[in-house]
Protein backbone atom coordinates (compact mmCIF):
# COMPACT_ATOMS: atom_id res chain seq x y z
CA MET A 1 -40.59 0.35 -29.52
CA ASP A 2 -37.99 -2.09 -29.82
CA SER A 3 -36.39 -4.77 -27.45
CA ASN A 4 -33.36 -2.64 -26.80
CA THR A 5 -35.09 0.44 -26.38
CA ARG A 6 -37.27 -1.11 -23.75
CA VAL A 7 -34.42 -2.92 -21.95
CA ASN A 8 -32.57 0.26 -21.65
CA GLY A 9 -35.73 2.05 -20.14
CA ILE A 10 -35.92 -0.76 -17.65
CA GLY A 11 -32.10 0.03 -16.82
CA ALA A 12 -32.85 3.67 -16.51
CA LEU A 13 -35.63 2.93 -14.21
CA LEU A 14 -33.69 0.72 -12.11
CA VAL A 15 -31.11 3.31 -11.75
CA ILE A 16 -33.74 6.10 -10.83
CA LEU A 17 -35.16 3.52 -8.40
CA GLY A 18 -31.78 3.15 -6.99
CA ILE A 19 -31.11 6.51 -6.26
CA ILE A 20 -34.55 7.15 -4.96
CA ILE A 21 -33.69 4.28 -2.47
CA ILE A 22 -30.46 5.84 -1.42
CA LEU A 23 -32.23 9.05 -0.90
CA VAL A 24 -35.44 8.30 0.92
CA PRO A 25 -33.85 7.22 4.52
CA TRP A 26 -31.63 10.45 4.33
CA ILE A 27 -33.28 13.33 2.43
CA ILE A 28 -37.04 12.45 1.26
CA PHE A 29 -38.41 11.01 4.57
CA PRO A 30 -35.55 11.06 6.90
CA VAL A 31 -35.11 8.46 9.68
CA CYS A 32 -35.14 9.32 13.40
CA GLU A 33 -31.20 10.14 13.12
CA MET A 34 -32.02 13.07 10.68
CA GLU A 35 -34.38 14.47 13.20
CA GLY A 36 -31.86 14.22 16.02
CA LEU A 37 -33.28 11.13 17.90
CA TYR A 38 -30.44 9.04 18.96
CA VAL A 39 -29.88 6.14 21.76
CA GLN A 40 -28.15 7.07 24.62
CA ALA A 41 -26.30 4.85 26.41
CA VAL A 42 -25.94 4.55 30.25
CA SER A 43 -22.40 5.84 29.62
CA GLY A 44 -23.62 9.13 27.89
CA MET A 45 -22.90 8.00 24.62
CA GLN A 46 -24.95 8.42 22.06
CA PHE A 47 -25.95 5.65 19.07
CA PRO A 48 -28.04 5.76 15.66
CA MET A 49 -31.18 4.05 16.57
CA PRO A 50 -32.09 0.79 14.38
CA CYS A 51 -33.61 2.98 11.65
CA GLY A 52 -30.09 4.59 11.10
CA TRP A 53 -28.66 1.55 10.86
CA SER A 54 -31.54 0.27 8.59
CA ALA A 55 -30.99 3.31 6.27
CA ARG A 56 -27.42 2.60 5.69
CA ALA A 57 -28.00 -1.01 4.72
CA ASP A 58 -30.71 0.19 2.43
CA SER A 59 -28.04 2.97 0.95
CA GLY A 60 -25.90 0.26 0.27
CA ILE A 61 -28.48 -1.85 -1.58
CA GLY A 62 -29.56 1.17 -3.37
CA ALA A 63 -26.24 1.67 -4.83
CA LEU A 64 -25.98 -1.75 -6.05
CA ILE A 65 -29.35 -1.34 -7.90
CA VAL A 66 -27.82 1.87 -9.43
CA VAL A 67 -24.98 -0.77 -10.53
CA ALA A 68 -27.43 -3.22 -12.08
CA GLY A 69 -29.41 -0.88 -14.07
CA GLY A 70 -26.35 0.40 -15.29
CA LEU A 71 -24.90 -2.83 -16.37
CA LEU A 72 -28.52 -3.80 -18.03
CA ILE A 73 -28.07 -0.41 -19.93
CA ALA A 74 -24.28 -1.23 -20.81
CA ARG A 75 -24.65 -4.85 -21.98
CA ASN A 76 -27.86 -5.80 -23.28
CA THR A 77 -27.88 -9.61 -23.93
CA PRO A 78 -30.16 -12.05 -22.88
CA GLU A 79 -27.63 -13.40 -20.01
CA THR A 80 -27.26 -10.22 -18.58
CA ARG A 81 -31.13 -9.27 -18.59
CA GLN A 82 -31.38 -12.63 -16.95
CA ALA A 83 -28.70 -11.93 -14.51
CA VAL A 84 -29.65 -8.48 -13.59
CA GLY A 85 -33.20 -9.58 -13.22
CA VAL A 86 -32.19 -12.43 -10.28
CA PHE A 87 -30.03 -9.97 -8.94
CA SER A 88 -32.94 -7.23 -8.76
CA ILE A 89 -35.15 -10.06 -7.13
CA ALA A 90 -32.86 -10.52 -4.37
CA LEU A 91 -31.78 -6.85 -4.01
CA GLY A 92 -35.45 -5.62 -3.97
CA ALA A 93 -36.13 -8.23 -1.18
CA LEU A 94 -33.02 -6.99 1.01
CA VAL A 95 -34.81 -3.37 0.62
CA ILE A 96 -37.64 -4.86 2.52
CA LEU A 97 -35.88 -7.08 4.64
CA PHE A 98 -33.79 -4.52 6.45
CA PRO A 99 -35.84 -2.39 8.07
CA THR A 100 -38.44 -4.99 8.64
CA VAL A 101 -36.78 -7.85 9.91
CA LEU A 102 -33.03 -7.85 9.38
CA ILE A 103 -32.33 -4.77 11.33
CA GLY A 104 -35.76 -3.06 12.02
CA MET A 105 -36.92 0.36 12.64
CA CYS A 106 -37.64 2.21 15.79
CA LYS A 107 -40.55 0.52 18.30
CA LEU A 108 -42.73 3.51 18.46
CA ALA A 109 -45.01 3.80 15.52
CA THR A 110 -45.16 7.46 15.88
CA HIS A 111 -41.44 7.79 14.80
CA PRO A 112 -41.02 9.37 11.06
CA CYS A 113 -38.98 5.85 10.52
CA ARG A 114 -42.42 4.14 10.94
CA THR A 115 -44.65 6.52 9.41
CA MET A 116 -43.02 7.50 6.18
CA THR A 117 -39.54 6.09 5.57
CA LEU A 118 -40.71 2.61 6.06
CA PRO A 119 -43.72 2.15 3.63
CA VAL A 120 -41.64 4.00 1.19
CA LEU A 121 -38.86 1.40 1.09
CA GLU A 122 -41.30 -1.68 1.41
CA LEU A 123 -42.69 0.18 -2.03
CA LEU A 124 -39.91 0.68 -3.61
CA GLY A 125 -38.82 -3.04 -2.75
CA VAL A 126 -41.68 -4.35 -4.35
CA MET A 127 -41.14 -2.37 -7.34
CA VAL A 128 -37.66 -3.61 -7.96
CA ILE A 129 -38.84 -7.16 -7.44
CA LEU A 130 -41.55 -6.88 -9.99
CA ILE A 131 -39.05 -5.36 -12.64
CA GLY A 132 -36.44 -8.06 -11.59
CA GLY A 133 -39.27 -10.74 -11.99
CA TYR A 134 -39.95 -9.14 -15.59
CA LEU A 135 -36.51 -9.13 -16.84
CA VAL A 136 -36.50 -12.90 -15.50
CA TRP A 137 -39.56 -13.88 -17.24
CA LYS A 138 -38.83 -12.09 -20.67
CA ARG A 139 -38.02 -14.16 -23.58
CA GLU A 140 -36.43 -12.37 -26.25
């Protein structure tokens, strides 16, 4: 397999991972908001739980990962590979940090966001980081 084919495959993999990151909190392993769980204020207004805000943030990050993969497919140069690699490492870290540290998830360990959504997002974030590390390390 030549270098261009391999890099195009990696770009396609990033696109697929980005799409999966977008879909995980809303369709594949829905967060509490999709299960009808909301925070109710004293005034009676309902707001999304923290997992809903994390899902929104991770969906945006997933879209950026799709763009990074598309850029890698469209322009396969060493500079692009390096830039997409660094960008992917940062985006993969954000996929993990939004639900764990920056925004968080619901506090109850039994909520669907804690049992399914969070572990899958962490795994996907690690995969994006590893792909980014490979692109930075790759010398061709």
